Amino acid sequence: MLQVRVVIVNVMSGTLEYGHGTLTGPLVSTMIAGEGLLEEIEEAFVAGFEAGMNVLMEEATMIFSQGGNTFFFVAQTDSAQ
């Protein structure tokens, strides 16, 4: 089980299950109306996790993909080091 909290326009959160390279579960969202691309991104996150989001970790990059949507997250280096 993994607790997830995503903020784009709305705060979306939920408990996801990980298995076979996939995160699956519902996200609950606040109901603030988003516009255009931001709303599409939120819808892709919710639908992706409900269907099962593929997860790949490569060095400092985490990639989520499902259907025609792919999200890349890259860890920032700590400039204080």
PDB file of N, CA and C in Angstrom:
ATOM      1  N   MET A   1       0.843  -1.181   0.000  1.00  0.00           N
ATOM      2  CA  MET A   1       0.000   0.000   0.000  1.00  0.00           C
ATOM      3  C   MET A   1       0.889   1.246   0.000  1.00  0.00           C
ATOM      4  N   LEU A   2       0.441   2.245  -0.719  1.00  0.00           N
ATOM      5  CA  LEU A   2       1.184   3.487  -0.849  1.00  0.00           C
ATOM      6  C   LEU A   2       0.199   4.642  -0.768  1.00  0.00           C
ATOM      7  N   GLN A   3       0.468   5.593   0.114  1.00  0.00           N
ATOM      8  CA  GLN A   3      -0.359   6.791   0.214  1.00  0.00           C
ATOM      9  C   GLN A   3       0.149   7.808  -0.808  1.00  0.00           C
ATOM     10  N   VAL A   4      -0.758   8.345  -1.622  1.00  0.00           N
ATOM     11  CA  VAL A   4      -0.389   9.294  -2.672  1.00  0.00           C
ATOM     12  C   VAL A   4      -1.167  10.580  -2.483  1.00  0.00           C
ATOM     13  N   ARG A   5      -0.473  11.704  -2.681  1.00  0.00           N
ATOM     14  CA  ARG A   5      -1.115  13.027  -2.656  1.00  0.00           C
ATOM     15  C   ARG A   5      -0.553  13.807  -3.839  1.00  0.00           C
ATOM     16  N   VAL A   6      -1.431  14.208  -4.749  1.00  0.00           N
ATOM     17  CA  VAL A   6      -1.048  14.938  -5.955  1.00  0.00           C
ATOM     18  C   VAL A   6      -1.810  16.254  -5.962  1.00  0.00           C
ATOM     19  N   VAL A   7      -1.101  17.366  -6.208  1.00  0.00           N
ATOM     20  CA  VAL A   7      -1.758  18.667  -6.289  1.00  0.00           C
ATOM     21  C   VAL A   7      -1.440  19.271  -7.654  1.00  0.00           C
ATOM     22  N   ILE A   8      -2.485  19.508  -8.433  1.00  0.00           N
ATOM     23  CA  ILE A   8      -2.339  20.199  -9.714  1.00  0.00           C
ATOM     24  C   ILE A   8      -3.193  21.454  -9.609  1.00  0.00           C
ATOM     25  N   VAL A   9      -4.483  21.347  -9.755  1.00  0.00           N
ATOM     26  CA  VAL A   9      -5.432  22.391  -9.366  1.00  0.00           C
ATOM     27  C   VAL A   9      -6.110  21.909  -8.092  1.00  0.00           C
ATOM     28  N   ASN A  10      -6.578  20.669  -8.132  1.00  0.00           N
ATOM     29  CA  ASN A  10      -7.213  20.038  -6.980  1.00  0.00           C
ATOM     30  C   ASN A  10      -6.186  19.254  -6.176  1.00  0.00           C
ATOM     31  N   VAL A  11      -6.550  18.962  -4.934  1.00  0.00           N
ATOM     32  CA  VAL A  11      -5.772  18.034  -4.123  1.00  0.00           C
ATOM     33  C   VAL A  11      -6.386  16.659  -4.346  1.00  0.00           C
ATOM     34  N   MET A  12      -5.585  15.738  -4.866  1.00  0.00           N
ATOM     35  CA  MET A  12      -6.046  14.375  -5.117  1.00  0.00           C
ATOM     36  C   MET A  12      -5.236  13.452  -4.225  1.00  0.00           C
ATOM     37  N   SER A  13      -5.923  12.547  -3.529  1.00  0.00           N
ATOM     38  CA  SER A  13      -5.205  11.637  -2.646  1.00  0.00           C
ATOM     39  C   SER A  13      -5.884  10.283  -2.636  1.00  0.00           C
ATOM     40  N   GLY A  14      -5.119   9.278  -2.244  1.00  0.00           N
ATOM     41  CA  GLY A  14      -5.668   7.938  -2.157  1.00  0.00           C
ATOM     42  C   GLY A  14      -4.631   6.932  -1.729  1.00  0.00           C
ATOM     43  N   THR A  15      -5.085   5.730  -1.476  1.00  0.00           N
ATOM     44  CA  THR A  15      -4.218   4.613  -1.130  1.00  0.00           C
ATOM     45  C   THR A  15      -4.151   3.692  -2.335  1.00  0.00           C
ATOM     46  N   LEU A  16      -2.945   3.504  -2.850  1.00  0.00           N
ATOM     47  CA  LEU A  16      -2.743   2.696  -4.046  1.00  0.00           C
ATOM     48  C   LEU A  16      -2.039   1.396  -3.684  1.00  0.00           C
ATOM     49  N   GLU A  17      -2.273   0.381  -4.477  1.00  0.00           N
ATOM     50  CA  GLU A  17      -1.590  -0.895  -4.313  1.00  0.00           C
ATOM     51  C   GLU A  17      -0.562  -1.036  -5.419  1.00  0.00           C
ATOM     52  N   TYR A  18       0.612  -1.576  -5.060  1.00  0.00           N
ATOM     53  CA  TYR A  18       1.675  -1.801  -6.040  1.00  0.00           C
ATOM     54  C   TYR A  18       1.827  -3.293  -6.289  1.00  0.00           C
ATOM     55  N   GLY A  19       1.875  -3.675  -7.549  1.00  0.00           N
ATOM     56  CA  GLY A  19       2.114  -5.065  -7.905  1.00  0.00           C
ATOM     57  C   GLY A  19       2.457  -5.194  -9.370  1.00  0.00           C
ATOM     58  N   HIS A  20       3.478  -5.975  -9.673  1.00  0.00           N
ATOM     59  CA  HIS A  20       3.883  -6.256 -11.057  1.00  0.00           C
ATOM     60  C   HIS A  20       4.160  -4.975 -11.847  1.00  0.00           C
ATOM     61  N   GLY A  21       4.793  -3.980 -11.198  1.00  0.00           N
ATOM     62  CA  GLY A  21       5.157  -2.748 -11.882  1.00  0.00           C
ATOM     63  C   GLY A  21       4.019  -1.781 -12.107  1.00  0.00           C
ATOM     64  N   THR A  22       2.911  -1.967 -11.381  1.00  0.00           N
ATOM     65  CA  THR A  22       1.729  -1.134 -11.581  1.00  0.00           C
ATOM     66  C   THR A  22       1.195  -0.602 -10.257  1.00  0.00           C
ATOM     67  N   LEU A  23       0.811   0.675 -10.230  1.00  0.00           N
ATOM     68  CA  LEU A  23       0.103   1.274  -9.095  1.00  0.00           C
ATOM     69  C   LEU A  23      -1.366   1.377  -9.462  1.00  0.00           C
ATOM     70  N   THR A  24      -2.231   0.859  -8.587  1.00  0.00           N
ATOM     71  CA  THR A  24      -3.661   0.832  -8.880  1.00  0.00           C
ATOM     72  C   THR A  24      -4.460   1.270  -7.668  1.00  0.00           C
ATOM     73  N   GLY A  25      -5.477   2.091  -7.908  1.00  0.00           N
ATOM     74  CA  GLY A  25      -6.392   2.489  -6.852  1.00  0.00           C
ATOM     75  C   GLY A  25      -7.057   3.811  -7.176  1.00  0.00           C
ATOM     76  N   PRO A  26      -8.097   4.137  -6.423  1.00  0.00           N
ATOM     77  CA  PRO A  26      -8.825   5.380  -6.673  1.00  0.00           C
ATOM     78  C   PRO A  26      -8.159   6.586  -6.013  1.00  0.00           C
ATOM     79  N   LEU A  27      -8.290   7.736  -6.657  1.00  0.00           N
ATOM     80  CA  LEU A  27      -7.886   9.009  -6.066  1.00  0.00           C
ATOM     81  C   LEU A  27      -9.145   9.811  -5.786  1.00  0.00           C
ATOM     82  N   VAL A  28      -9.227  10.382  -4.597  1.00  0.00           N
ATOM     83  CA  VAL A  28     -10.329  11.264  -4.233  1.00  0.00           C
ATOM     84  C   VAL A  28      -9.843  12.685  -4.458  1.00  0.00           C
ATOM     85  N   SER A  29     -10.690  13.525  -5.035  1.00  0.00           N
ATOM     86  CA  SER A  29     -10.280  14.867  -5.424  1.00  0.00           C
ATOM     87  C   SER A  29     -11.205  15.923  -4.850  1.00  0.00           C
ATOM     88  N   THR A  30     -10.603  17.090  -4.521  1.00  0.00           N
ATOM     89  CA  THR A  30     -11.440  18.250  -4.239  1.00  0.00           C
ATOM     90  C   THR A  30     -12.101  18.631  -5.558  1.00  0.00           C
ATOM     91  N   MET A  31     -13.100  19.446  -5.528  1.00  0.00           N
ATOM     92  CA  MET A  31     -13.890  19.687  -6.738  1.00  0.00           C
ATOM     93  C   MET A  31     -13.736  21.108  -7.287  1.00  0.00           C
ATOM     94  N   ILE A  32     -12.515  21.610  -7.319  1.00  0.00           N
ATOM     95  CA  ILE A  32     -12.260  22.924  -7.900  1.00  0.00           C
ATOM     96  C   ILE A  32     -12.178  22.754  -9.419  1.00  0.00           C
ATOM     97  N   ALA A  33     -12.877  23.600 -10.139  1.00  0.00           N
ATOM     98  CA  ALA A  33     -12.874  23.500 -11.601  1.00  0.00           C
ATOM     99  C   ALA A  33     -11.526  23.946 -12.151  1.00  0.00           C
ATOM    100  N   GLY A  34     -10.910  23.085 -12.940  1.00  0.00           N
ATOM    101  CA  GLY A  34      -9.670  23.437 -13.611  1.00  0.00           C
ATOM    102  C   GLY A  34      -9.970  23.822 -15.046  1.00  0.00           C
ATOM    103  N   GLU A  35      -8.956  24.311 -15.732  1.00  0.00           N
ATOM    104  CA  GLU A  35      -9.154  24.713 -17.117  1.00  0.00           C
ATOM    105  C   GLU A  35      -8.144  24.030 -18.022  1.00  0.00           C
ATOM    106  N   GLY A  36      -8.576  23.698 -19.206  1.00  0.00           N
ATOM    107  CA  GLY A  36      -7.700  23.235 -20.271  1.00  0.00           C
ATOM    108  C   GLY A  36      -6.763  22.110 -19.891  1.00  0.00           C
ATOM    109  N   LEU A  37      -5.474  22.344 -20.125  1.00  0.00           N
ATOM    110  CA  LEU A  37      -4.451  21.328 -19.941  1.00  0.00           C
ATOM    111  C   LEU A  37      -4.388  20.814 -18.503  1.00  0.00           C
ATOM    112  N   LEU A  38      -4.528  21.703 -17.514  1.00  0.00           N
ATOM    113  CA  LEU A  38      -4.458  21.259 -16.118  1.00  0.00           C
ATOM    114  C   LEU A  38      -5.570  20.272 -15.787  1.00  0.00           C
ATOM    115  N   GLU A  39      -6.765  20.529 -16.282  1.00  0.00           N
ATOM    116  CA  GLU A  39      -7.883  19.605 -16.057  1.00  0.00           C
ATOM    117  C   GLU A  39      -7.628  18.267 -16.763  1.00  0.00           C
ATOM    118  N   GLU A  40      -7.074  18.316 -17.960  1.00  0.00           N
ATOM    119  CA  GLU A  40      -6.761  17.087 -18.690  1.00  0.00           C
ATOM    120  C   GLU A  40      -5.713  16.255 -17.952  1.00  0.00           C
ATOM    121  N   ILE A  41      -4.718  16.918 -17.365  1.00  0.00           N
ATOM    122  CA  ILE A  41      -3.688  16.208 -16.607  1.00  0.00           C
ATOM    123  C   ILE A  41      -4.301  15.535 -15.387  1.00  0.00           C
ATOM    124  N   GLU A  42      -5.157  16.252 -14.668  1.00  0.00           N
ATOM    125  CA  GLU A  42      -5.820  15.660 -13.500  1.00  0.00           C
ATOM    126  C   GLU A  42      -6.656  14.449 -13.896  1.00  0.00           C
ATOM    127  N   GLU A  43      -7.416  14.577 -14.966  1.00  0.00           N
ATOM    128  CA  GLU A  43      -8.246  13.461 -15.435  1.00  0.00           C
ATOM    129  C   GLU A  43      -7.383  12.261 -15.818  1.00  0.00           C
ATOM    130  N   ALA A  44      -6.221  12.517 -16.423  1.00  0.00           N
ATOM    131  CA  ALA A  44      -5.318  11.429 -16.810  1.00  0.00           C
ATOM    132  C   ALA A  44      -4.751  10.719 -15.582  1.00  0.00           C
ATOM    133  N   PHE A  45      -4.426  11.475 -14.521  1.00  0.00           N
ATOM    134  CA  PHE A  45      -3.945  10.856 -13.284  1.00  0.00           C
ATOM    135  C   PHE A  45      -5.018   9.970 -12.673  1.00  0.00           C
ATOM    136  N   VAL A  46      -6.222  10.503 -12.517  1.00  0.00           N
ATOM    137  CA  VAL A  46      -7.309   9.743 -11.888  1.00  0.00           C
ATOM    138  C   VAL A  46      -7.614   8.482 -12.696  1.00  0.00           C
ATOM    139  N   ALA A  47      -7.804   8.629 -14.001  1.00  0.00           N
ATOM    140  CA  ALA A  47      -8.120   7.477 -14.853  1.00  0.00           C
ATOM    141  C   ALA A  47      -6.963   6.482 -14.888  1.00  0.00           C
ATOM    142  N   GLY A  48      -5.744   6.990 -14.920  1.00  0.00           N
ATOM    143  CA  GLY A  48      -4.573   6.121 -14.980  1.00  0.00           C
ATOM    144  C   GLY A  48      -4.423   5.246 -13.755  1.00  0.00           C
ATOM    145  N   PHE A  49      -4.580   5.839 -12.567  1.00  0.00           N
ATOM    146  CA  PHE A  49      -4.449   5.042 -11.348  1.00  0.00           C
ATOM    147  C   PHE A  49      -5.619   4.085 -11.175  1.00  0.00           C
ATOM    148  N   GLU A  50      -6.806   4.480 -11.596  1.00  0.00           N
ATOM    149  CA  GLU A  50      -7.947   3.563 -11.515  1.00  0.00           C
ATOM    150  C   GLU A  50      -7.742   2.353 -12.425  1.00  0.00           C
ATOM    151  N   ALA A  51      -7.176   2.568 -13.614  1.00  0.00           N
ATOM    152  CA  ALA A  51      -6.947   1.479 -14.569  1.00  0.00           C
ATOM    153  C   ALA A  51      -5.684   0.689 -14.253  1.00  0.00           C
ATOM    154  N   GLY A  52      -4.747   1.319 -13.561  1.00  0.00           N
ATOM    155  CA  GLY A  52      -3.449   0.707 -13.264  1.00  0.00           C
ATOM    156  C   GLY A  52      -2.346   1.447 -13.992  1.00  0.00           C
ATOM    157  N   MET A  53      -1.605   2.263 -13.258  1.00  0.00           N
ATOM    158  CA  MET A  53      -0.539   3.086 -13.828  1.00  0.00           C
ATOM    159  C   MET A  53       0.774   2.303 -13.793  1.00  0.00           C
ATOM    160  N   ASN A  54       1.390   2.121 -14.955  1.00  0.00           N
ATOM    161  CA  ASN A  54       2.700   1.469 -15.013  1.00  0.00           C
ATOM    162  C   ASN A  54       3.738   2.394 -14.397  1.00  0.00           C
ATOM    163  N   VAL A  55       4.658   1.818 -13.626  1.00  0.00           N
ATOM    164  CA  VAL A  55       5.681   2.602 -12.937  1.00  0.00           C
ATOM    165  C   VAL A  55       7.051   2.058 -13.305  1.00  0.00           C
ATOM    166  N   LEU A  56       7.960   2.963 -13.678  1.00  0.00           N
ATOM    167  CA  LEU A  56       9.333   2.590 -13.985  1.00  0.00           C
ATOM    168  C   LEU A  56      10.254   3.575 -13.286  1.00  0.00           C
ATOM    169  N   MET A  57      11.236   3.064 -12.559  1.00  0.00           N
ATOM    170  CA  MET A  57      12.228   3.910 -11.892  1.00  0.00           C
ATOM    171  C   MET A  57      13.568   3.691 -12.577  1.00  0.00           C
ATOM    172  N   GLU A  58      14.191   4.783 -13.005  1.00  0.00           N
ATOM    173  CA  GLU A  58      15.516   4.735 -13.621  1.00  0.00           C
ATOM    174  C   GLU A  58      16.341   5.863 -13.037  1.00  0.00           C
ATOM    175  N   GLU A  59      17.328   5.514 -12.219  1.00  0.00           N
ATOM    176  CA  GLU A  59      18.185   6.483 -11.551  1.00  0.00           C
ATOM    177  C   GLU A  59      17.333   7.534 -10.852  1.00  0.00           C
ATOM    178  N   ALA A  60      17.412   8.795 -11.256  1.00  0.00           N
ATOM    179  CA  ALA A  60      16.669   9.868 -10.584  1.00  0.00           C
ATOM    180  C   ALA A  60      15.332  10.156 -11.257  1.00  0.00           C
ATOM    181  N   THR A  61      14.878   9.260 -12.138  1.00  0.00           N
ATOM    182  CA  THR A  61      13.642   9.482 -12.886  1.00  0.00           C
ATOM    183  C   THR A  61      12.601   8.421 -12.540  1.00  0.00           C
ATOM    184  N   MET A  62      11.366   8.877 -12.308  1.00  0.00           N
ATOM    185  CA  MET A  62      10.235   7.981 -12.109  1.00  0.00           C
ATOM    186  C   MET A  62       9.252   8.269 -13.237  1.00  0.00           C
ATOM    187  N   ILE A  63       8.820   7.215 -13.934  1.00  0.00           N
ATOM    188  CA  ILE A  63       7.936   7.361 -15.085  1.00  0.00           C
ATOM    189  C   ILE A  63       6.639   6.623 -14.804  1.00  0.00           C
ATOM    190  N   PHE A  64       5.509   7.344 -14.916  1.00  0.00           N
ATOM    191  CA  PHE A  64       4.175   6.755 -14.808  1.00  0.00           C
ATOM    192  C   PHE A  64       3.586   6.750 -16.213  1.00  0.00           C
ATOM    193  N   SER A  65       2.988   5.633 -16.625  1.00  0.00           N
ATOM    194  CA  SER A  65       2.332   5.609 -17.933  1.00  0.00           C
ATOM    195  C   SER A  65       1.103   4.722 -17.893  1.00  0.00           C
ATOM    196  N   GLN A  66       0.105   5.129 -18.669  1.00  0.00           N
ATOM    197  CA  GLN A  66      -1.121   4.346 -18.808  1.00  0.00           C
ATOM    198  C   GLN A  66      -1.837   4.863 -20.039  1.00  0.00           C
ATOM    199  N   GLY A  67      -2.232   3.953 -20.908  1.00  0.00           N
ATOM    200  CA  GLY A  67      -2.887   4.375 -22.138  1.00  0.00           C
ATOM    201  C   GLY A  67      -1.952   5.263 -22.938  1.00  0.00           C
ATOM    202  N   GLY A  68      -2.435   6.393 -23.388  1.00  0.00           N
ATOM    203  CA  GLY A  68      -1.627   7.323 -24.164  1.00  0.00           C
ATOM    204  C   GLY A  68      -0.943   8.389 -23.337  1.00  0.00           C
ATOM    205  N   ASN A  69      -0.962   8.254 -22.008  1.00  0.00           N
ATOM    206  CA  ASN A  69      -0.387   9.277 -21.131  1.00  0.00           C
ATOM    207  C   ASN A  69       0.881   8.775 -20.455  1.00  0.00           C
ATOM    208  N   THR A  70       1.901   9.631 -20.441  1.00  0.00           N
ATOM    209  CA  THR A  70       3.154   9.328 -19.760  1.00  0.00           C
ATOM    210  C   THR A  70       3.581  10.556 -18.969  1.00  0.00           C
ATOM    211  N   PHE A  71       3.934  10.329 -17.698  1.00  0.00           N
ATOM    212  CA  PHE A  71       4.371  11.403 -16.805  1.00  0.00           C
ATOM    213  C   PHE A  71       5.784  11.101 -16.334  1.00  0.00           C
ATOM    214  N   PHE A  72       6.691  12.077 -16.470  1.00  0.00           N
ATOM    215  CA  PHE A  72       8.081  11.930 -16.044  1.00  0.00           C
ATOM    216  C   PHE A  72       8.314  12.810 -14.821  1.00  0.00           C
ATOM    217  N   PHE A  73       8.911  12.235 -13.790  1.00  0.00           N
ATOM    218  CA  PHE A  73       9.284  12.986 -12.596  1.00  0.00           C
ATOM    219  C   PHE A  73      10.778  12.794 -12.398  1.00  0.00           C
ATOM    220  N   VAL A  74      11.522  13.908 -12.313  1.00  0.00           N
ATOM    221  CA  VAL A  74      12.970  13.846 -12.161  1.00  0.00           C
ATOM    222  C   VAL A  74      13.348  14.508 -10.849  1.00  0.00           C
ATOM    223  N   ALA A  75      14.098  13.784 -10.014  1.00  0.00           N
ATOM    224  CA  ALA A  75      14.546  14.331  -8.736  1.00  0.00           C
ATOM    225  C   ALA A  75      15.554  15.440  -8.997  1.00  0.00           C
ATOM    226  N   GLN A  76      15.417  16.525  -8.254  1.00  0.00           N
ATOM    227  CA  GLN A  76      16.362  17.624  -8.369  1.00  0.00           C
ATOM    228  C   GLN A  76      17.587  17.312  -7.529  1.00  0.00           C
ATOM    229  N   THR A  77      18.733  17.724  -8.019  1.00  0.00           N
ATOM    230  CA  THR A  77      19.943  17.541  -7.232  1.00  0.00           C
ATOM    231  C   THR A  77      19.971  18.577  -6.132  1.00  0.00           C
ATOM    232  N   ASP A  78      20.582  18.229  -5.026  1.00  0.00           N
ATOM    233  CA  ASP A  78      20.687  19.139  -3.887  1.00  0.00           C
ATOM    234  C   ASP A  78      21.895  20.036  -4.108  1.00  0.00           C
ATOM    235  N   SER A  79      21.664  21.311  -4.390  1.00  0.00           N
ATOM    236  CA  SER A  79      22.757  22.238  -4.686  1.00  0.00           C
ATOM    237  C   SER A  79      23.616  22.530  -3.468  1.00  0.00           C
ATOM    238  N   ALA A  80      23.154  22.174  -2.262  1.00  0.00           N
ATOM    239  CA  ALA A  80      23.912  22.428  -1.038  1.00  0.00           C
ATOM    240  C   ALA A  80      25.032  21.406  -0.851  1.00  0.00           C
ATOM    241  N   GLN A  81      25.037  20.333  -1.628  1.00  0.00           N
ATOM    242  CA  GLN A  81      26.064  19.291  -1.454  1.00  0.00           C
ATOM    243  C   GLN A  81      27.309  19.608  -2.223  1.00  0.00           C
TER     244      GLN A  81
END
